[in-house]
Amino acid sequence: MDILYLFIAFIASVGIYALYKRNKINKQIKGLSNKSIEMTPEEFKKMRNFSFGGRGTPKYALKYNFKGVYILYNKTKNMYYIGQANKVINRVNAHFTGRGNGDVYADFKYGDEFTIKAISLQESGYSSLNSLERDTIKTYDAFAHGYNKTRGNK
């Protein structure tokens, strides 16, 4: 009987630790997200045009096309899409011009309201873009109740 209680206590402590770790990761991801600038696709387009406008574009603007994770939030449907890219600005632009996730583009095209946030890998404390993306997908439940069709790259 004592072994059974020890086993149950062990299983409970493993579960509690996993929950603690998950909550800590969620808090970290939400904190990183809250530090980033949130913009609409229209604001994003203006920023992108300024950053990549060609003649007269300030050189510093090109450095903002960083490696990281982006968070597309459909405010109309309360759904998220999380993605990763070596050049976040280019990749986010693809989603809103029909060269990314087809479901996101269709909802955007038909008038759903979106916001965009991004997390720089360099500023995140993560060493792997895949890990940052997986944790962000899990934090925002983007696989089970969002646009993501996978839990992220391994």
N, C-alpha and C. Protein backbone atom coordinates (compact mmCIF):
# COMPACT_ATOMS: atom_id res chain seq x y z
N MET A 1 0.82 -1.19 0.00
CA MET A 1 0.00 0.00 0.00
C MET A 1 0.87 1.26 0.00
N ASP A 2 1.98 1.24 0.73
CA ASP A 2 2.87 2.41 0.76
C ASP A 2 3.47 2.68 -0.61
N ILE A 3 3.78 1.64 -1.35
CA ILE A 3 4.34 1.81 -2.69
C ILE A 3 3.31 2.46 -3.61
N LEU A 4 2.05 2.10 -3.48
CA LEU A 4 1.00 2.69 -4.29
C LEU A 4 0.89 4.18 -4.00
N TYR A 5 0.92 4.58 -2.73
CA TYR A 5 0.87 5.99 -2.37
C TYR A 5 2.08 6.75 -2.89
N LEU A 6 3.25 6.12 -2.80
CA LEU A 6 4.47 6.75 -3.33
C LEU A 6 4.36 6.93 -4.84
N PHE A 7 3.84 5.92 -5.52
CA PHE A 7 3.68 6.01 -6.97
C PHE A 7 2.71 7.13 -7.34
N ILE A 8 1.58 7.20 -6.65
CA ILE A 8 0.58 8.25 -6.91
C ILE A 8 1.18 9.62 -6.62
N ALA A 9 1.92 9.74 -5.53
CA ALA A 9 2.57 11.01 -5.19
C ALA A 9 3.58 11.41 -6.26
N PHE A 10 4.33 10.42 -6.76
CA PHE A 10 5.31 10.69 -7.81
C PHE A 10 4.62 11.19 -9.07
N ILE A 11 3.57 10.50 -9.50
CA ILE A 11 2.83 10.89 -10.71
C ILE A 11 2.24 12.29 -10.52
N ALA A 12 1.69 12.56 -9.36
CA ALA A 12 1.11 13.88 -9.10
C ALA A 12 2.19 14.96 -9.16
N SER A 13 3.37 14.68 -8.60
CA SER A 13 4.43 15.69 -8.60
C SER A 13 4.94 15.94 -10.03
N VAL A 14 5.00 14.90 -10.85
CA VAL A 14 5.41 15.07 -12.26
C VAL A 14 4.38 15.94 -12.98
N GLY A 15 3.12 15.68 -12.76
CA GLY A 15 2.05 16.47 -13.38
C GLY A 15 2.08 17.92 -12.93
N ILE A 16 2.30 18.13 -11.65
CA ILE A 16 2.37 19.49 -11.11
C ILE A 16 3.57 20.24 -11.69
N TYR A 17 4.71 19.55 -11.80
CA TYR A 17 5.90 20.18 -12.38
C TYR A 17 5.66 20.54 -13.85
N ALA A 18 5.02 19.63 -14.60
CA ALA A 18 4.74 19.90 -16.01
C ALA A 18 3.81 21.11 -16.15
N LEU A 19 2.82 21.21 -15.30
CA LEU A 19 1.90 22.34 -15.31
C LEU A 19 2.64 23.63 -14.95
N TYR A 20 3.50 23.57 -13.95
CA TYR A 20 4.31 24.73 -13.56
C TYR A 20 5.18 25.19 -14.73
N LYS A 21 5.83 24.23 -15.39
CA LYS A 21 6.71 24.56 -16.51
C LYS A 21 5.91 25.17 -17.66
N ARG A 22 4.74 24.59 -17.98
CA ARG A 22 3.89 25.12 -19.05
C ARG A 22 3.44 26.54 -18.74
N ASN A 23 3.03 26.78 -17.50
CA ASN A 23 2.60 28.13 -17.11
C ASN A 23 3.74 29.13 -17.21
N LYS A 24 4.94 28.71 -16.86
CA LYS A 24 6.11 29.57 -16.96
C LYS A 24 6.40 29.93 -18.42
N ILE A 25 6.31 28.94 -19.30
CA ILE A 25 6.52 29.18 -20.73
C ILE A 25 5.44 30.11 -21.28
N ASN A 26 4.18 29.84 -20.94
CA ASN A 26 3.08 30.70 -21.40
C ASN A 26 3.30 32.15 -20.97
N LYS A 27 3.71 32.33 -19.73
CA LYS A 27 3.96 33.68 -19.21
C LYS A 27 5.10 34.35 -19.99
N GLN A 28 6.16 33.59 -20.28
CA GLN A 28 7.29 34.13 -21.03
C GLN A 28 6.86 34.56 -22.44
N ILE A 29 6.12 33.69 -23.13
CA ILE A 29 5.68 33.99 -24.50
C ILE A 29 4.73 35.19 -24.50
N LYS A 30 3.78 35.22 -23.59
CA LYS A 30 2.84 36.36 -23.52
C LYS A 30 3.59 37.65 -23.20
N GLY A 31 4.61 37.57 -22.34
CA GLY A 31 5.41 38.75 -22.03
C GLY A 31 6.16 39.25 -23.25
N LEU A 32 6.75 38.34 -24.02
CA LEU A 32 7.44 38.73 -25.25
C LEU A 32 6.46 39.34 -26.25
N SER A 33 5.30 38.74 -26.37
CA SER A 33 4.28 39.24 -27.29
C SER A 33 3.80 40.63 -26.86
N ASN A 34 3.59 40.83 -25.58
CA ASN A 34 3.11 42.11 -25.08
C ASN A 34 4.12 43.23 -25.28
N LYS A 35 5.40 42.89 -25.38
CA LYS A 35 6.44 43.89 -25.62
C LYS A 35 6.52 44.30 -27.09
N SER A 36 5.94 43.50 -27.97
CA SER A 36 6.04 43.80 -29.40
C SER A 36 4.95 44.77 -29.82
N ILE A 37 5.18 45.43 -30.92
CA ILE A 37 4.22 46.38 -31.47
C ILE A 37 3.11 45.59 -32.15
N GLU A 38 1.88 45.96 -31.86
CA GLU A 38 0.73 45.35 -32.51
C GLU A 38 0.26 46.29 -33.60
N MET A 39 0.04 45.75 -34.79
CA MET A 39 -0.44 46.60 -35.88
C MET A 39 -1.47 45.86 -36.72
N THR A 40 -2.25 46.63 -37.44
CA THR A 40 -3.21 46.05 -38.37
C THR A 40 -2.48 45.73 -39.67
N PRO A 41 -3.09 44.93 -40.54
CA PRO A 41 -2.46 44.68 -41.84
C PRO A 41 -2.23 45.97 -42.64
N GLU A 42 -3.11 46.93 -42.50
CA GLU A 42 -2.94 48.21 -43.21
C GLU A 42 -1.72 48.96 -42.67
N GLU A 43 -1.59 49.01 -41.35
CA GLU A 43 -0.41 49.65 -40.75
C GLU A 43 0.86 48.90 -41.12
N PHE A 44 0.77 47.58 -41.15
CA PHE A 44 1.91 46.75 -41.54
C PHE A 44 2.33 47.09 -42.97
N LYS A 45 1.36 47.21 -43.87
CA LYS A 45 1.67 47.50 -45.27
C LYS A 45 2.39 48.85 -45.40
N LYS A 46 1.92 49.85 -44.67
CA LYS A 46 2.59 51.16 -44.69
C LYS A 46 4.02 51.04 -44.19
N MET A 47 4.21 50.32 -43.08
CA MET A 47 5.54 50.14 -42.52
C MET A 47 6.41 49.38 -43.51
N ARG A 48 5.88 48.34 -44.12
CA ARG A 48 6.65 47.55 -45.07
C ARG A 48 7.04 48.39 -46.29
N ASN A 49 6.09 49.16 -46.81
CA ASN A 49 6.39 50.01 -47.96
C ASN A 49 7.49 51.01 -47.63
N PHE A 50 7.47 51.54 -46.43
CA PHE A 50 8.52 52.47 -46.01
C PHE A 50 9.86 51.73 -45.91
N SER A 51 9.81 50.53 -45.33
CA SER A 51 11.05 49.77 -45.12
C SER A 51 11.67 49.29 -46.41
N PHE A 52 10.86 48.98 -47.41
CA PHE A 52 11.37 48.39 -48.64
C PHE A 52 10.99 49.21 -49.86
N GLY A 53 10.82 50.49 -49.64
CA GLY A 53 10.32 51.36 -50.70
C GLY A 53 11.30 51.69 -51.81
N GLY A 54 12.50 51.18 -51.73
CA GLY A 54 13.47 51.45 -52.81
C GLY A 54 14.17 52.78 -52.59
N ARG A 55 14.15 53.62 -53.61
CA ARG A 55 14.84 54.90 -53.56
C ARG A 55 14.39 55.72 -52.35
N GLY A 56 15.34 56.19 -51.61
CA GLY A 56 15.04 57.01 -50.45
C GLY A 56 14.77 56.22 -49.18
N THR A 57 14.77 54.91 -49.27
CA THR A 57 14.53 54.10 -48.09
C THR A 57 15.75 54.19 -47.17
N PRO A 58 15.52 54.54 -45.91
CA PRO A 58 16.66 54.60 -44.98
C PRO A 58 17.27 53.20 -44.82
N LYS A 59 18.58 53.14 -44.77
CA LYS A 59 19.28 51.86 -44.65
C LYS A 59 18.88 51.11 -43.38
N TYR A 60 18.61 51.85 -42.29
CA TYR A 60 18.29 51.19 -41.03
C TYR A 60 16.99 50.39 -41.13
N ALA A 61 16.09 50.78 -42.03
CA ALA A 61 14.79 50.12 -42.12
C ALA A 61 14.93 48.66 -42.50
N LEU A 62 15.93 48.32 -43.29
CA LEU A 62 16.09 46.95 -43.75
C LEU A 62 16.44 45.98 -42.63
N LYS A 63 17.00 46.48 -41.54
CA LYS A 63 17.38 45.59 -40.45
C LYS A 63 16.17 45.06 -39.68
N TYR A 64 15.01 45.63 -39.89
CA TYR A 64 13.83 45.19 -39.16
C TYR A 64 13.21 43.93 -39.76
N ASN A 65 13.77 43.43 -40.83
CA ASN A 65 13.31 42.18 -41.41
C ASN A 65 14.07 41.04 -40.71
N PHE A 66 13.75 40.84 -39.46
CA PHE A 66 14.51 39.97 -38.56
C PHE A 66 14.02 38.54 -38.56
N LYS A 67 14.82 37.67 -37.96
CA LYS A 67 14.47 36.26 -37.75
C LYS A 67 13.61 36.18 -36.50
N GLY A 68 12.47 35.51 -36.62
CA GLY A 68 11.61 35.40 -35.45
C GLY A 68 10.30 34.69 -35.74
N VAL A 69 9.37 34.91 -34.84
CA VAL A 69 8.04 34.32 -34.89
C VAL A 69 7.04 35.45 -35.02
N TYR A 70 5.99 35.22 -35.80
CA TYR A 70 4.94 36.23 -35.92
C TYR A 70 3.61 35.63 -35.48
N ILE A 71 2.76 36.51 -34.99
CA ILE A 71 1.45 36.11 -34.45
C ILE A 71 0.39 36.88 -35.22
N LEU A 72 -0.40 36.16 -36.01
CA LEU A 72 -1.51 36.77 -36.73
C LEU A 72 -2.77 36.42 -35.95
N TYR A 73 -3.51 37.45 -35.55
CA TYR A 73 -4.70 37.24 -34.73
C TYR A 73 -5.93 37.72 -35.49
N ASN A 74 -6.86 36.83 -35.74
CA ASN A 74 -8.13 37.18 -36.36
C ASN A 74 -9.07 37.58 -35.23
N LYS A 75 -9.26 38.89 -35.08
CA LYS A 75 -10.11 39.42 -34.01
C LYS A 75 -11.57 39.04 -34.23
N THR A 76 -11.97 38.92 -35.48
CA THR A 76 -13.36 38.58 -35.80
C THR A 76 -13.71 37.17 -35.32
N LYS A 77 -12.81 36.22 -35.53
CA LYS A 77 -13.07 34.83 -35.19
C LYS A 77 -12.34 34.34 -33.95
N ASN A 78 -11.55 35.22 -33.31
CA ASN A 78 -10.77 34.86 -32.14
C ASN A 78 -9.90 33.63 -32.42
N MET A 79 -9.12 33.71 -33.51
CA MET A 79 -8.24 32.62 -33.92
C MET A 79 -6.84 33.17 -34.20
N TYR A 80 -5.85 32.33 -33.93
CA TYR A 80 -4.45 32.71 -34.15
C TYR A 80 -3.81 31.86 -35.23
N TYR A 81 -2.83 32.47 -35.90
CA TYR A 81 -1.90 31.73 -36.74
C TYR A 81 -0.50 32.15 -36.31
N ILE A 82 0.33 31.18 -36.00
CA ILE A 82 1.70 31.43 -35.58
C ILE A 82 2.62 30.88 -36.65
N GLY A 83 3.61 31.66 -37.04
CA GLY A 83 4.58 31.20 -38.01
C GLY A 83 5.97 31.67 -37.65
N GLN A 84 6.95 31.15 -38.34
CA GLN A 84 8.33 31.56 -38.13
C GLN A 84 8.94 31.92 -39.47
N ALA A 85 9.97 32.76 -39.43
CA ALA A 85 10.64 33.14 -40.67
C ALA A 85 12.01 33.71 -40.36
N ASN A 86 12.90 33.56 -41.33
CA ASN A 86 14.20 34.24 -41.23
C ASN A 86 14.05 35.72 -41.55
N LYS A 87 13.02 36.07 -42.31
CA LYS A 87 12.69 37.46 -42.63
C LYS A 87 11.21 37.65 -42.38
N VAL A 88 10.89 38.04 -41.14
CA VAL A 88 9.50 38.10 -40.68
C VAL A 88 8.65 39.03 -41.54
N ILE A 89 9.16 40.19 -41.89
CA ILE A 89 8.36 41.14 -42.66
C ILE A 89 7.94 40.54 -44.00
N ASN A 90 8.87 39.90 -44.67
CA ASN A 90 8.53 39.28 -45.96
C ASN A 90 7.47 38.20 -45.79
N ARG A 91 7.61 37.38 -44.75
CA ARG A 91 6.70 36.26 -44.56
C ARG A 91 5.30 36.74 -44.17
N VAL A 92 5.20 37.71 -43.29
CA VAL A 92 3.89 38.24 -42.91
C VAL A 92 3.21 38.84 -44.14
N ASN A 93 3.96 39.56 -44.93
CA ASN A 93 3.42 40.14 -46.16
C ASN A 93 2.83 39.06 -47.06
N ALA A 94 3.48 37.91 -47.15
CA ALA A 94 3.00 36.82 -47.99
C ALA A 94 1.60 36.36 -47.56
N HIS A 95 1.34 36.32 -46.27
CA HIS A 95 0.04 35.87 -45.78
C HIS A 95 -1.08 36.79 -46.21
N PHE A 96 -0.80 38.09 -46.29
CA PHE A 96 -1.85 39.05 -46.63
C PHE A 96 -1.89 39.40 -48.11
N THR A 97 -1.08 38.71 -48.90
CA THR A 97 -1.10 38.90 -50.36
C THR A 97 -1.36 37.58 -51.09
N GLY A 98 -1.84 36.57 -50.35
CA GLY A 98 -2.26 35.33 -50.97
C GLY A 98 -1.17 34.30 -51.20
N ARG A 99 0.01 34.50 -50.59
CA ARG A 99 1.11 33.53 -50.78
C ARG A 99 1.51 32.86 -49.47
N GLY A 100 0.58 32.81 -48.53
CA GLY A 100 0.85 32.19 -47.23
C GLY A 100 -0.25 31.21 -46.90
N ASN A 101 -0.70 31.22 -45.68
CA ASN A 101 -1.78 30.34 -45.25
C ASN A 101 -3.07 30.76 -45.96
N GLY A 102 -3.65 29.84 -46.71
CA GLY A 102 -4.83 30.14 -47.51
C GLY A 102 -6.05 30.51 -46.69
N ASP A 103 -6.20 29.91 -45.51
CA ASP A 103 -7.35 30.22 -44.65
C ASP A 103 -7.24 31.63 -44.08
N VAL A 104 -6.04 32.01 -43.68
CA VAL A 104 -5.82 33.37 -43.17
C VAL A 104 -6.14 34.37 -44.27
N TYR A 105 -5.61 34.14 -45.47
CA TYR A 105 -5.83 35.07 -46.57
C TYR A 105 -7.31 35.17 -46.93
N ALA A 106 -8.01 34.04 -46.97
CA ALA A 106 -9.44 34.06 -47.31
C ALA A 106 -10.22 34.88 -46.28
N ASP A 107 -9.95 34.67 -45.01
CA ASP A 107 -10.66 35.43 -43.97
C ASP A 107 -10.32 36.91 -44.06
N PHE A 108 -9.08 37.24 -44.33
CA PHE A 108 -8.67 38.64 -44.49
C PHE A 108 -9.36 39.25 -45.71
N LYS A 109 -9.35 38.54 -46.80
CA LYS A 109 -9.93 39.03 -48.06
C LYS A 109 -11.42 39.29 -47.90
N TYR A 110 -12.09 38.47 -47.11
CA TYR A 110 -13.53 38.63 -46.93
C TYR A 110 -13.90 39.53 -45.75
N GLY A 111 -12.91 40.25 -45.23
CA GLY A 111 -13.22 41.32 -44.29
C GLY A 111 -12.98 41.09 -42.82
N ASP A 112 -12.45 39.93 -42.43
CA ASP A 112 -12.15 39.73 -41.01
C ASP A 112 -11.06 40.69 -40.57
N GLU A 113 -11.13 41.10 -39.32
CA GLU A 113 -10.18 42.06 -38.75
C GLU A 113 -9.00 41.31 -38.11
N PHE A 114 -7.78 41.67 -38.51
CA PHE A 114 -6.57 41.02 -38.03
C PHE A 114 -5.65 42.01 -37.33
N THR A 115 -4.82 41.46 -36.44
CA THR A 115 -3.68 42.20 -35.91
C THR A 115 -2.44 41.33 -36.08
N ILE A 116 -1.29 42.00 -36.06
CA ILE A 116 0.00 41.34 -36.28
C ILE A 116 0.94 41.73 -35.16
N LYS A 117 1.64 40.74 -34.62
CA LYS A 117 2.73 40.95 -33.67
C LYS A 117 3.89 40.07 -34.09
N ALA A 118 5.07 40.41 -33.64
CA ALA A 118 6.24 39.59 -33.97
C ALA A 118 7.18 39.55 -32.77
N ILE A 119 7.87 38.43 -32.64
CA ILE A 119 8.85 38.23 -31.58
C ILE A 119 10.19 37.91 -32.24
N SER A 120 11.18 38.70 -31.97
CA SER A 120 12.52 38.48 -32.51
C SER A 120 13.18 37.31 -31.78
N LEU A 121 13.74 36.39 -32.52
CA LEU A 121 14.46 35.27 -31.90
C LEU A 121 15.59 35.81 -31.03
N GLN A 122 16.30 36.78 -31.53
CA GLN A 122 17.45 37.34 -30.81
C GLN A 122 17.05 37.91 -29.46
N GLU A 123 15.87 38.49 -29.36
CA GLU A 123 15.41 39.12 -28.12
C GLU A 123 14.60 38.18 -27.23
N SER A 124 14.38 36.95 -27.68
CA SER A 124 13.43 36.07 -27.00
C SER A 124 14.02 35.25 -25.85
N GLY A 125 15.34 35.04 -25.87
CA GLY A 125 15.93 34.15 -24.90
C GLY A 125 15.97 32.70 -25.38
N TYR A 126 15.39 32.44 -26.54
CA TYR A 126 15.41 31.11 -27.15
C TYR A 126 16.62 31.00 -28.06
N SER A 127 17.15 29.79 -28.20
CA SER A 127 18.26 29.58 -29.12
C SER A 127 17.78 28.96 -30.43
N SER A 128 16.54 28.47 -30.45
CA SER A 128 16.00 27.79 -31.63
C SER A 128 14.69 28.43 -32.06
N LEU A 129 14.62 28.76 -33.34
CA LEU A 129 13.39 29.30 -33.90
C LEU A 129 12.26 28.28 -33.82
N ASN A 130 12.58 27.01 -34.03
CA ASN A 130 11.57 25.95 -33.93
C ASN A 130 10.97 25.86 -32.53
N SER A 131 11.80 25.96 -31.50
CA SER A 131 11.30 25.90 -30.12
C SER A 131 10.42 27.10 -29.80
N LEU A 132 10.86 28.27 -30.23
CA LEU A 132 10.06 29.49 -30.00
C LEU A 132 8.71 29.36 -30.70
N GLU A 133 8.71 28.87 -31.92
CA GLU A 133 7.44 28.72 -32.65
C GLU A 133 6.54 27.69 -31.96
N ARG A 134 7.08 26.53 -31.60
CA ARG A 134 6.27 25.49 -30.94
C ARG A 134 5.64 26.02 -29.66
N ASP A 135 6.43 26.70 -28.83
CA ASP A 135 5.90 27.22 -27.57
C ASP A 135 4.85 28.31 -27.81
N THR A 136 5.04 29.11 -28.86
CA THR A 136 4.07 30.16 -29.16
C THR A 136 2.77 29.55 -29.68
N ILE A 137 2.86 28.54 -30.53
CA ILE A 137 1.66 27.84 -31.02
C ILE A 137 0.89 27.26 -29.84
N LYS A 138 1.60 26.65 -28.91
CA LYS A 138 0.95 26.04 -27.75
C LYS A 138 0.33 27.11 -26.84
N THR A 139 1.06 28.19 -26.61
CA THR A 139 0.57 29.27 -25.75
C THR A 139 -0.74 29.86 -26.27
N TYR A 140 -0.82 30.05 -27.57
CA TYR A 140 -2.02 30.65 -28.16
C TYR A 140 -3.02 29.62 -28.68
N ASP A 141 -2.77 28.34 -28.42
CA ASP A 141 -3.67 27.25 -28.79
C ASP A 141 -4.00 27.31 -30.29
N ALA A 142 -2.99 27.65 -31.09
CA ALA A 142 -3.20 27.88 -32.52
C ALA A 142 -3.32 26.59 -33.33
N PHE A 143 -2.96 25.46 -32.74
CA PHE A 143 -3.12 24.19 -33.45
C PHE A 143 -4.53 23.66 -33.24
N ALA A 144 -4.97 23.56 -32.02
CA ALA A 144 -6.29 22.98 -31.72
C ALA A 144 -7.43 23.93 -32.08
N HIS A 145 -7.23 25.23 -31.87
CA HIS A 145 -8.33 26.19 -32.08
C HIS A 145 -7.90 27.38 -32.93
N GLY A 146 -6.96 27.18 -33.82
CA GLY A 146 -6.50 28.26 -34.67
C GLY A 146 -6.26 27.77 -36.08
N TYR A 147 -5.45 28.51 -36.80
CA TYR A 147 -5.16 28.19 -38.21
C TYR A 147 -4.03 27.19 -38.40
N ASN A 148 -3.18 27.01 -37.39
CA ASN A 148 -2.02 26.13 -37.57
C ASN A 148 -2.46 24.68 -37.78
N LYS A 149 -1.84 24.06 -38.77
CA LYS A 149 -2.16 22.67 -39.09
C LYS A 149 -1.17 21.69 -38.48
N THR A 150 -0.12 22.21 -37.88
CA THR A 150 0.85 21.39 -37.14
C THR A 150 1.16 22.09 -35.82
N ARG A 151 1.84 21.37 -34.95
CA ARG A 151 2.24 21.94 -33.66
C ARG A 151 3.57 22.69 -33.78
N GLY A 152 4.13 22.77 -34.99
CA GLY A 152 5.38 23.46 -35.21
C GLY A 152 6.45 22.49 -35.67
N ASN A 153 7.54 23.05 -36.16
CA ASN A 153 8.67 22.25 -36.65
C ASN A 153 9.44 21.63 -35.50
N LYS A 154 10.05 20.49 -35.75
CA LYS A 154 10.88 19.81 -34.74
C LYS A 154 12.32 20.16 -34.96
